[in-house]
Protein backbone atom coordinates (compact mmCIF):
# COMPACT_ATOMS: atom_id res chain seq x y z
CA MET A 1 -67.92 -10.70 1.77
CA LYS A 2 -65.65 -11.00 4.48
CA HIS A 3 -62.80 -12.81 2.66
CA CYS A 4 -63.37 -10.47 -0.15
CA TYR A 5 -62.66 -7.45 2.44
CA LEU A 6 -59.63 -9.14 3.90
CA ASN A 7 -58.23 -9.68 0.71
CA ALA A 8 -58.38 -6.41 -0.34
CA LEU A 9 -57.15 -5.10 3.28
CA PHE A 10 -54.10 -7.11 2.08
CA ALA A 11 -53.42 -6.07 -0.72
CA LEU A 12 -53.52 -2.33 0.70
CA VAL A 13 -51.24 -3.69 3.29
CA ILE A 14 -48.90 -4.82 0.75
CA ALA A 15 -49.16 -1.97 -1.69
CA ALA A 16 -48.47 0.02 1.35
CA VAL A 17 -45.13 -1.94 2.17
CA THR A 18 -43.72 -2.39 -1.30
CA SER A 19 -44.48 1.60 -1.46
CA ALA A 20 -42.37 2.03 1.78
CA ALA A 21 -39.53 -0.40 0.63
CA ARG A 22 -39.09 1.61 -2.73
CA ALA A 23 -39.39 5.08 -1.01
CA GLU A 24 -35.36 4.42 -0.44
CA PRO A 25 -33.74 2.68 -3.14
CA GLN A 26 -29.68 2.09 -2.43
CA ILE A 27 -28.08 4.53 -4.50
CA ILE A 28 -24.57 3.27 -4.52
CA LEU A 29 -21.47 5.64 -5.77
CA PRO A 30 -17.76 5.31 -6.65
CA LYS A 31 -15.58 5.08 -3.82
CA HIS A 32 -13.76 8.53 -3.85
CA ARG A 33 -11.89 8.76 -0.78
CA LEU A 34 -10.03 6.76 1.95
CA ASP A 35 -11.91 5.90 5.54
CA ALA A 36 -10.63 4.80 8.95
CA ARG A 37 -9.99 1.13 8.23
CA GLU A 38 -7.19 2.04 5.89
CA LEU A 39 -5.47 4.54 7.86
CA ALA A 40 -2.80 3.10 10.63
CA VAL A 41 -1.81 5.00 13.21
CA ILE A 42 1.98 5.12 14.12
CA VAL A 43 2.63 5.53 18.12
CA ASN A 44 6.32 6.14 19.53
CA ASP A 45 5.58 4.07 23.12
CA SER A 46 8.76 6.31 24.66
CA ASP A 47 7.15 9.35 23.96
CA PRO A 48 4.07 9.93 26.76
CA LEU A 49 2.50 12.89 24.46
CA SER A 50 2.62 10.12 21.38
CA ARG A 51 0.72 7.79 23.06
CA GLN A 52 -1.89 10.12 24.26
CA ILE A 53 -2.42 11.61 20.77
CA ALA A 54 -2.31 8.08 19.20
CA ASN A 55 -4.83 6.52 22.09
CA TYR A 56 -7.54 9.51 21.49
CA TYR A 57 -7.51 9.64 17.92
CA ARG A 58 -7.70 6.04 17.21
CA GLN A 59 -10.87 6.06 19.86
CA ARG A 60 -12.14 9.18 17.84
CA ARG A 61 -12.41 8.09 14.16
CA GLY A 62 -12.93 4.41 14.86
CA ILE A 63 -9.63 3.16 13.60
CA PRO A 64 -9.43 -0.67 14.21
CA GLN A 65 -7.17 -1.71 17.26
CA GLU A 66 -4.49 -3.60 14.69
CA ASN A 67 -3.83 -0.14 12.67
CA LEU A 68 -2.36 1.05 16.07
CA ILE A 69 1.33 0.34 15.18
CA HIS A 70 4.00 0.86 17.60
CA ILE A 71 7.28 1.58 17.72
CA SER A 72 10.19 3.03 20.02
CA PHE A 73 12.57 5.84 19.83
CA GLU A 74 14.07 9.08 21.63
CA PRO A 75 11.64 11.58 20.96
CA GLY A 76 11.87 15.46 20.80
CA ARG A 77 15.16 15.61 17.90
CA SER A 78 14.61 17.60 15.30
CA ALA A 79 15.99 14.91 13.10
CA ILE A 80 16.78 10.85 13.23
CA SER A 81 19.41 9.29 10.59
CA PRO A 82 18.51 6.97 7.76
CA ASN A 83 19.72 3.92 9.49
CA GLU A 84 17.77 4.75 12.95
CA PHE A 85 14.99 5.35 10.38
CA SER A 86 15.26 2.47 8.41
CA VAL A 87 14.91 0.05 11.49
CA LEU A 88 12.02 1.74 12.25
CA LYS A 89 10.66 1.56 8.75
CA ARG A 90 11.03 -2.31 8.34
CA GLN A 91 9.18 -2.86 11.88
CA VAL A 92 6.44 -0.43 10.35
CA ASP A 93 6.37 -2.23 7.79
CA ALA A 94 6.00 -5.65 9.01
CA ALA A 95 3.21 -4.39 11.15
CA THR A 96 1.02 -2.71 8.63
CA PRO A 97 -2.16 -4.86 7.86
CA PRO A 98 -2.56 -5.12 4.31
CA GLN A 99 -5.60 -2.96 3.97
CA VAL A 100 -3.99 0.15 4.81
CA GLN A 101 -3.01 2.84 2.52
CA ALA A 102 -2.24 5.86 4.72
CA TYR A 103 -0.21 6.58 7.77
CA ALA A 104 -0.67 9.24 10.62
CA LEU A 105 2.57 9.94 12.90
CA THR A 106 1.48 11.15 16.48
CA TRP A 107 4.74 13.64 17.16
CA ALA A 108 5.67 16.98 16.37
CA ALA A 109 9.50 15.59 16.56
CA PRO A 110 11.54 14.56 14.88
CA TYR A 111 10.37 15.94 11.90
CA ARG A 112 13.35 15.13 9.73
CA VAL A 113 15.28 12.02 8.09
CA ARG A 114 18.34 14.01 6.88
CA CYS A 115 16.89 15.43 3.90
CA MET A 116 13.62 13.81 3.48
CA SER A 117 10.75 15.16 5.77
CA ILE A 118 9.55 12.01 8.27
CA THR A 119 6.16 11.80 6.71
CA SER A 120 7.72 11.77 3.10
CA ALA A 121 10.11 8.80 4.27
CA PHE A 122 7.48 6.83 5.79
CA ALA A 123 5.43 7.55 3.05
CA LEU A 124 7.85 6.57 0.51
CA GLY A 125 10.71 5.35 2.13
CA PHE A 126 13.80 6.70 2.79
CA ASP A 127 15.70 7.72 -0.54
CA LYS A 128 18.15 10.26 -1.68
CA ARG A 129 16.41 10.85 -5.12
CA TYR A 130 13.76 12.94 -2.85
CA CYS A 131 16.18 15.49 -1.53
CA SER A 132 18.50 17.97 -3.33
CA ALA A 133 21.40 16.76 -4.87
CA LYS A 134 22.90 20.31 -5.23
CA THR A 135 21.44 23.41 -3.80
CA CYS A 136 18.11 24.51 -5.21
CA ALA A 137 18.18 21.17 -7.45
CA LEU A 138 14.53 19.41 -8.44
CA THR A 139 13.81 16.23 -6.63
CA GLN A 140 12.10 13.06 -7.67
CA PRO A 141 8.45 13.71 -8.40
CA THR A 142 5.64 11.26 -7.35
CA ALA A 143 2.90 9.57 -9.76
CA TYR A 144 0.54 10.30 -7.02
CA PHE A 145 0.31 14.06 -7.68
CA GLY A 146 -3.08 14.94 -9.11
CA SER A 147 -4.09 11.50 -9.55
CA ASP A 148 -7.61 10.27 -8.77
CA SER A 149 -6.37 7.19 -6.91
CA THR A 150 -8.35 5.83 -3.69
CA THR A 151 -5.91 3.25 -2.70
CA PRO A 152 -2.29 4.91 -3.21
CA PHE A 153 -0.22 1.89 -1.95
CA ASP A 154 -2.19 -0.56 -4.18
CA ASP A 155 -1.59 1.81 -7.40
CA PHE A 156 1.56 3.34 -6.56
CA ARG A 157 3.42 1.51 -3.71
CA ILE A 158 3.30 4.85 -1.68
CA ARG A 159 1.31 5.42 1.83
CA PRO A 160 0.42 8.68 2.43
CA THR A 161 1.76 9.76 5.67
CA MET A 162 0.40 12.90 7.69
CA SER A 163 1.47 13.87 11.53
CA LEU A 164 -1.23 14.97 14.24
CA ALA A 165 1.74 17.38 15.24
CA ALA A 166 1.49 19.18 18.40
CA THR A 167 3.37 20.25 20.99
CA ASN A 168 0.63 19.25 23.92
CA PHE A 169 -2.29 17.40 24.52
CA LEU A 170 -5.10 20.15 24.16
CA GLU A 171 -3.62 21.13 21.15
CA ALA A 172 -3.99 17.68 19.63
CA LYS A 173 -7.12 17.08 20.95
CA THR A 174 -8.39 20.20 19.56
CA LEU A 175 -7.17 19.72 16.09
CA ILE A 176 -8.68 16.35 15.93
CA ASP A 177 -12.43 17.32 17.05
CA ARG A 178 -12.42 20.01 14.44
CA GLY A 179 -11.31 17.67 11.91
CA ILE A 180 -14.12 15.29 12.96
CA ALA A 181 -16.34 18.36 13.24
CA SER A 182 -15.10 19.40 9.36
CA ASP A 183 -17.06 15.97 7.94
CA GLY A 184 -19.65 16.40 5.72
CA SER A 185 -20.10 20.04 6.79
CA ARG A 186 -19.95 21.76 3.38
CA PRO A 187 -18.65 24.92 5.02
CA LYS A 188 -19.67 28.19 3.40
CA GLY A 189 -16.03 29.77 3.60
CA THR A 190 -13.54 31.47 1.03
CA ALA A 191 -10.87 30.52 -0.29
CA TYR A 192 -7.91 33.69 0.05
CA LEU A 193 -5.42 33.30 -2.45
CA VAL A 194 -2.71 35.98 -0.86
CA SER A 195 -0.25 37.53 -3.21
CA THR A 196 2.32 39.21 -1.35
CA THR A 197 5.48 41.30 -2.29
CA ASP A 198 7.57 39.19 -1.25
CA LYS A 199 8.66 38.30 -4.92
CA ALA A 200 10.83 35.28 -4.01
CA ARG A 201 8.31 33.52 -2.21
CA ASN A 202 5.01 34.63 -4.46
CA VAL A 203 5.70 32.62 -6.74
CA ARG A 204 2.36 30.35 -6.82
CA ALA A 205 0.45 34.08 -7.35
CA ARG A 206 0.50 33.46 -11.18
CA PHE A 207 -1.36 30.11 -10.58
CA TYR A 208 -4.30 32.70 -8.85
CA PRO A 209 -5.74 33.44 -11.74
CA GLY A 210 -6.72 30.75 -13.38
CA ILE A 211 -7.93 29.19 -9.37
CA ASP A 212 -10.14 31.98 -9.36
CA THR A 213 -11.65 31.55 -12.70
CA VAL A 214 -12.36 27.57 -12.26
CA PHE A 215 -13.64 27.71 -8.33
CA SER A 216 -15.48 31.25 -8.05
CA ARG A 217 -18.29 29.39 -9.83
CA PHE A 218 -19.14 27.23 -6.77
CA LEU A 219 -16.88 28.66 -4.11
CA ASN A 220 -16.12 31.79 -2.47
CA THR A 221 -12.69 32.51 -3.94
CA GLU A 222 -10.68 35.88 -3.25
CA VAL A 223 -7.56 37.03 -4.77
CA VAL A 224 -6.26 39.50 -2.29
CA HIS A 225 -3.28 41.77 -2.68
CA LEU A 226 -1.76 42.05 0.56
CA ASN A 227 0.85 40.59 3.09
CA ALA A 228 -1.36 39.29 5.59
CA LEU A 229 -5.38 38.66 6.04
CA LEU A 230 -6.89 40.61 8.64
CA GLY A 231 -10.11 40.26 10.99
CA ARG A 232 -11.58 37.56 8.43
CA ASP A 233 -14.19 35.31 10.04
CA ASP A 234 -14.52 32.85 6.87
CA VAL A 235 -11.28 31.75 6.14
CA LEU A 236 -11.42 27.88 4.53
CA PHE A 237 -8.41 28.08 2.54
CA TYR A 238 -5.40 30.46 3.07
CA PHE A 239 -2.29 30.39 0.50
CA THR A 240 0.78 32.46 0.45
CA GLY A 241 4.13 33.26 0.32
CA ARG A 242 5.76 34.99 3.50
CA ASP A 243 8.77 33.61 6.09
CA LYS A 244 6.64 35.10 8.96
CA VAL A 245 2.40 35.54 8.70
CA ASP A 246 1.06 38.42 10.74
CA GLY A 247 -2.40 38.60 12.08
CA LEU A 248 -3.36 34.81 12.77
CA ASP A 249 -5.44 35.46 16.18
CA THR A 250 -7.32 38.10 14.33
CA LEU A 251 -8.75 35.07 11.83
CA HIS A 252 -11.46 32.69 12.32
CA PHE A 253 -10.53 29.45 10.39
CA LEU A 254 -13.59 27.21 9.77
CA PRO A 255 -13.40 23.46 10.79
CA GLY A 256 -11.59 21.76 7.97
CA ALA A 257 -9.31 24.57 6.83
CA VAL A 258 -6.47 24.64 5.32
CA ALA A 259 -3.34 27.14 5.06
CA ASP A 260 0.16 26.81 4.07
CA HIS A 261 3.18 29.73 3.71
CA LEU A 262 5.44 29.15 0.97
CA THR A 263 9.04 29.65 2.85
CA SER A 264 11.97 27.76 3.07
CA ILE A 265 11.99 26.09 6.35
CA GLY A 266 8.78 26.29 7.71
CA GLY A 267 8.60 22.27 8.11
CA ARG A 268 10.71 22.76 10.84
CA LEU A 269 7.94 22.43 13.51
CA VAL A 270 9.62 22.82 16.88
CA ASP A 271 12.74 25.05 16.01
CA SER A 272 12.60 27.23 12.72
CA ASN A 273 13.89 30.64 12.50
CA GLN A 274 11.08 31.23 10.27
CA MET A 275 7.40 30.73 11.14
CA SER A 276 6.46 27.37 12.07
CA ALA A 277 3.91 25.41 9.90
CA LEU A 278 2.52 24.53 13.63
CA ARG A 279 1.36 28.28 13.58
CA TRP A 280 -1.68 27.56 11.36
CA LEU A 281 -2.70 24.35 13.53
CA GLU A 282 -2.32 26.56 16.48
CA ALA A 283 -4.65 29.71 15.12
CA GLY A 284 -7.29 26.73 13.81
CA ALA A 285 -6.06 25.11 10.68
CA THR A 286 -6.66 21.70 10.07
CA GLY A 287 -3.90 21.27 7.69
CA SER A 288 -0.66 22.36 6.65
CA TYR A 289 2.65 22.12 5.00
CA GLY A 290 6.17 23.10 5.18
CA THR A 291 9.61 21.72 3.87
CA VAL A 292 12.31 20.42 6.19
CA MET A 293 15.24 21.93 3.98
CA GLU A 294 16.14 24.49 1.93
CA PRO A 295 14.03 23.73 -1.40
CA CYS A 296 14.40 27.13 -3.12
CA ALA A 297 11.33 28.62 -4.59
CA HIS A 298 10.16 25.80 -6.66
CA PRO A 299 6.26 25.68 -6.91
CA THR A 300 6.60 21.73 -7.64
CA LYS A 301 7.73 21.62 -3.75
CA PHE A 302 5.10 23.21 -2.64
CA PRO A 303 1.37 22.77 -2.27
CA ASN A 304 -0.76 23.76 -5.89
CA PRO A 305 -3.74 25.58 -4.53
CA GLY A 306 -5.90 24.59 -7.44
CA VAL A 307 -5.09 20.90 -7.52
CA MET A 308 -5.38 20.73 -3.55
CA MET A 309 -8.54 22.37 -3.64
CA GLN A 310 -9.90 20.28 -6.26
CA HIS A 311 -9.31 17.16 -4.75
CA TYR A 312 -10.30 18.47 -1.50
CA VAL A 313 -14.31 19.67 -2.67
CA GLN A 314 -14.48 16.79 -4.12
CA GLY A 315 -14.85 14.79 -1.11
CA GLU A 316 -11.09 13.57 -0.59
CA THR A 317 -9.60 13.56 2.73
CA LEU A 318 -7.32 16.16 3.93
CA ILE A 319 -4.57 13.62 3.85
CA GLU A 320 -5.48 12.49 0.24
CA ALA A 321 -5.98 16.41 -1.31
CA TYR A 322 -2.66 17.50 0.43
CA TRP A 323 -0.45 14.52 -0.87
CA LYS A 324 -1.72 14.87 -4.50
CA SER A 325 -1.16 18.71 -4.59
CA VAL A 326 2.67 18.54 -4.25
CA GLN A 327 4.66 17.20 -6.88
CA MET A 328 7.93 16.66 -5.39
CA PRO A 329 7.12 16.28 -1.92
CA GLY A 330 10.30 14.37 -0.47
CA GLU A 331 11.44 17.81 1.12
CA GLY A 332 8.04 18.61 2.89
CA ILE A 333 6.12 17.71 6.27
CA PHE A 334 2.35 17.12 6.10
CA ILE A 335 0.83 18.02 9.34
CA GLY A 336 -2.90 18.17 10.54
CA GLU A 337 -6.18 15.70 11.05
CA PRO A 338 -5.75 13.05 7.98
CA LEU A 339 -9.20 12.13 7.61
CA ALA A 340 -11.30 15.63 7.89
CA ALA A 341 -13.61 15.72 4.55
CA PRO A 342 -15.77 18.86 4.93
CA PHE A 343 -16.85 18.13 1.47
CA ASP A 344 -17.90 14.49 1.71
CA PHE A 345 -21.44 14.84 1.28
CA ARG A 346 -24.35 13.56 -0.12
CA ASP A 347 -28.01 14.50 -0.65
CA ILE A 348 -30.59 12.58 -1.74
CA GLU A 349 -34.38 13.80 -3.12
CA GLN A 350 -36.70 11.23 -4.36
CA LYS A 351 -38.85 13.51 -6.76
CA PRO A 352 -41.90 11.25 -9.02
CA GLY A 353 -39.98 9.31 -11.38
CA GLU A 354 -36.39 10.68 -10.52
CA ILE A 355 -34.37 10.62 -7.75
CA VAL A 356 -31.90 13.27 -7.28
CA VAL A 357 -28.22 12.60 -5.54
CA ARG A 358 -26.47 16.20 -4.63
CA THR A 359 -22.82 15.63 -4.57
CA TRP A 360 -19.26 17.02 -5.64
CA SER A 361 -17.26 13.56 -4.98
CA ILE A 362 -18.01 12.23 -8.37
CA LYS A 363 -14.86 12.80 -10.33
CA PRO A 364 -15.05 14.04 -13.96
CA GLY A 365 -15.47 11.29 -16.54
CA VAL A 366 -17.79 9.12 -18.44
CA TYR A 367 -20.16 6.35 -16.42
CA GLN A 368 -22.82 3.79 -16.51
CA LEU A 369 -25.34 3.85 -14.31
CA GLN A 370 -27.25 0.00 -13.87
CA SER A 371 -30.13 -1.24 -11.79
CA ALA A 372 -30.81 -4.21 -10.20
CA PRO A 373 -33.25 -5.77 -7.68
CA ALA A 374 -30.75 -6.47 -4.76
CA THR A 375 -27.18 -5.60 -4.37
CA ILE A 376 -25.99 -8.62 -5.57
CA GLY A 377 -27.42 -7.74 -8.69
CA PRO A 378 -28.08 -8.80 -11.67
CA PHE A 379 -27.35 -4.99 -12.82
CA GLN A 380 -28.59 -4.10 -16.08
CA PRO A 381 -27.58 -0.62 -18.17
CA VAL A 382 -29.94 2.28 -17.68
CA LEU A 383 -27.72 4.93 -19.48
CA ASN A 384 -24.65 6.72 -19.56
CA TYR A 385 -23.75 10.25 -18.12
CA GLN A 386 -20.47 12.65 -18.84
CA ILE A 387 -19.63 13.74 -15.80
CA GLY A 388 -17.51 17.47 -15.12
CA PHE A 389 -16.31 19.62 -12.30
CA PRO A 390 -17.86 20.13 -10.32
CA LEU A 391 -21.04 18.06 -10.39
CA ASP A 392 -24.16 19.94 -9.35
CA ALA A 393 -26.60 17.19 -9.30
CA LEU A 394 -26.94 13.19 -10.47
CA ARG A 395 -30.87 13.22 -12.04
CA ILE A 396 -31.42 9.21 -11.97
CA PRO A 397 -34.47 8.04 -13.68
CA ASP A 398 -36.49 6.07 -11.09
CA ARG A 399 -37.65 2.55 -12.91
CA GLY A 400 -38.52 1.02 -9.48
CA ALA A 401 -35.10 -0.55 -9.08
CA ALA A 402 -34.33 -1.45 -5.36
CA VAL A 403 -30.47 -0.42 -6.40
CA TYR A 404 -28.72 1.88 -8.44
CA ARG A 405 -24.91 2.01 -8.95
CA LEU A 406 -22.48 4.15 -10.90
CA VAL A 407 -19.66 2.58 -12.45
CA PRO A 408 -17.28 4.14 -14.55
CA ALA A 409 -17.94 3.28 -18.45
CA GLN A 410 -15.88 0.77 -20.14
CA ASN A 411 -14.05 1.95 -22.92
């Protein structure tokens, strides 16, 4: 009798343990973004502010020590020559660990290498094809534009670069902290697509109705006909076209917010006679963009708001989404907190016979769901999904497996 009781108790314990172990099967989704291990931080050892920014950022983001790359040059100038840059670029290339796919710079000046922005020069290498051959000429596009790549250097030999640009440490620290605060926050802000009376700089406005149609289904989106927003407390995106934007001190930008103004030289961060893109960061945005040379009003030289928003809301980092939104980035500088990812979220709910995964980070396409008893496999096909944009929920039939993974379906 005693043995029967013990056997029954043992069976109940085993069943309870098994049930508890099954309570949280592992869900493996496709890689959709860069992480801290894949970002290198470039520091100018001759610039005390650069050193301070680099050290704080590396610590806060958990970037490996080996990813801190030291160079030295005279700080504070607007531009450096191609010859001086080529020496620095060779040093950076030699010191870059093989897993690194992107760079973060840690200064506001210099912002230019002759006719290229310094972020594009580090990303692409200095090359006159990325500059206007004559006034208002188009420049070399990149294959990274609009792509779904999560490994840009491996795929295109491009390391997207963004500057943690600031003129003092408090501004840099605040920028870094709000980028980190944005991670996975799924902000409930508004995308403001601002159409102004400045005809020359308002060339992106023709994209706004289509963007509004696509995104208003799941994101607060407003097309507004104003020269400046005033008194808004929910700014998540702010795209406009003006040489100077008024009212920034009346706005509240949510962590992870992106804002830029299409104008000639907003990328001349410290000495522009137009509004510097730095003003957006100082007002509370987490990322911005501006050109360092006269680009003329070519939309291809500026962020495409729809492309930027699509990649950002799919859980990509700021640096990825912003870079992918500019077809011809040679003359433009990207500034902000590179790893900010406010839409990198994943909620898992277990229901009887079903696991519901809520995320926007799965790209449109055809995928196969596979299951296995362990992460090492063997994996067996379960079913195929056709996923659109945006994904509302991934519904996985729970068949008792320890691991489920989603992989692109083979043609």
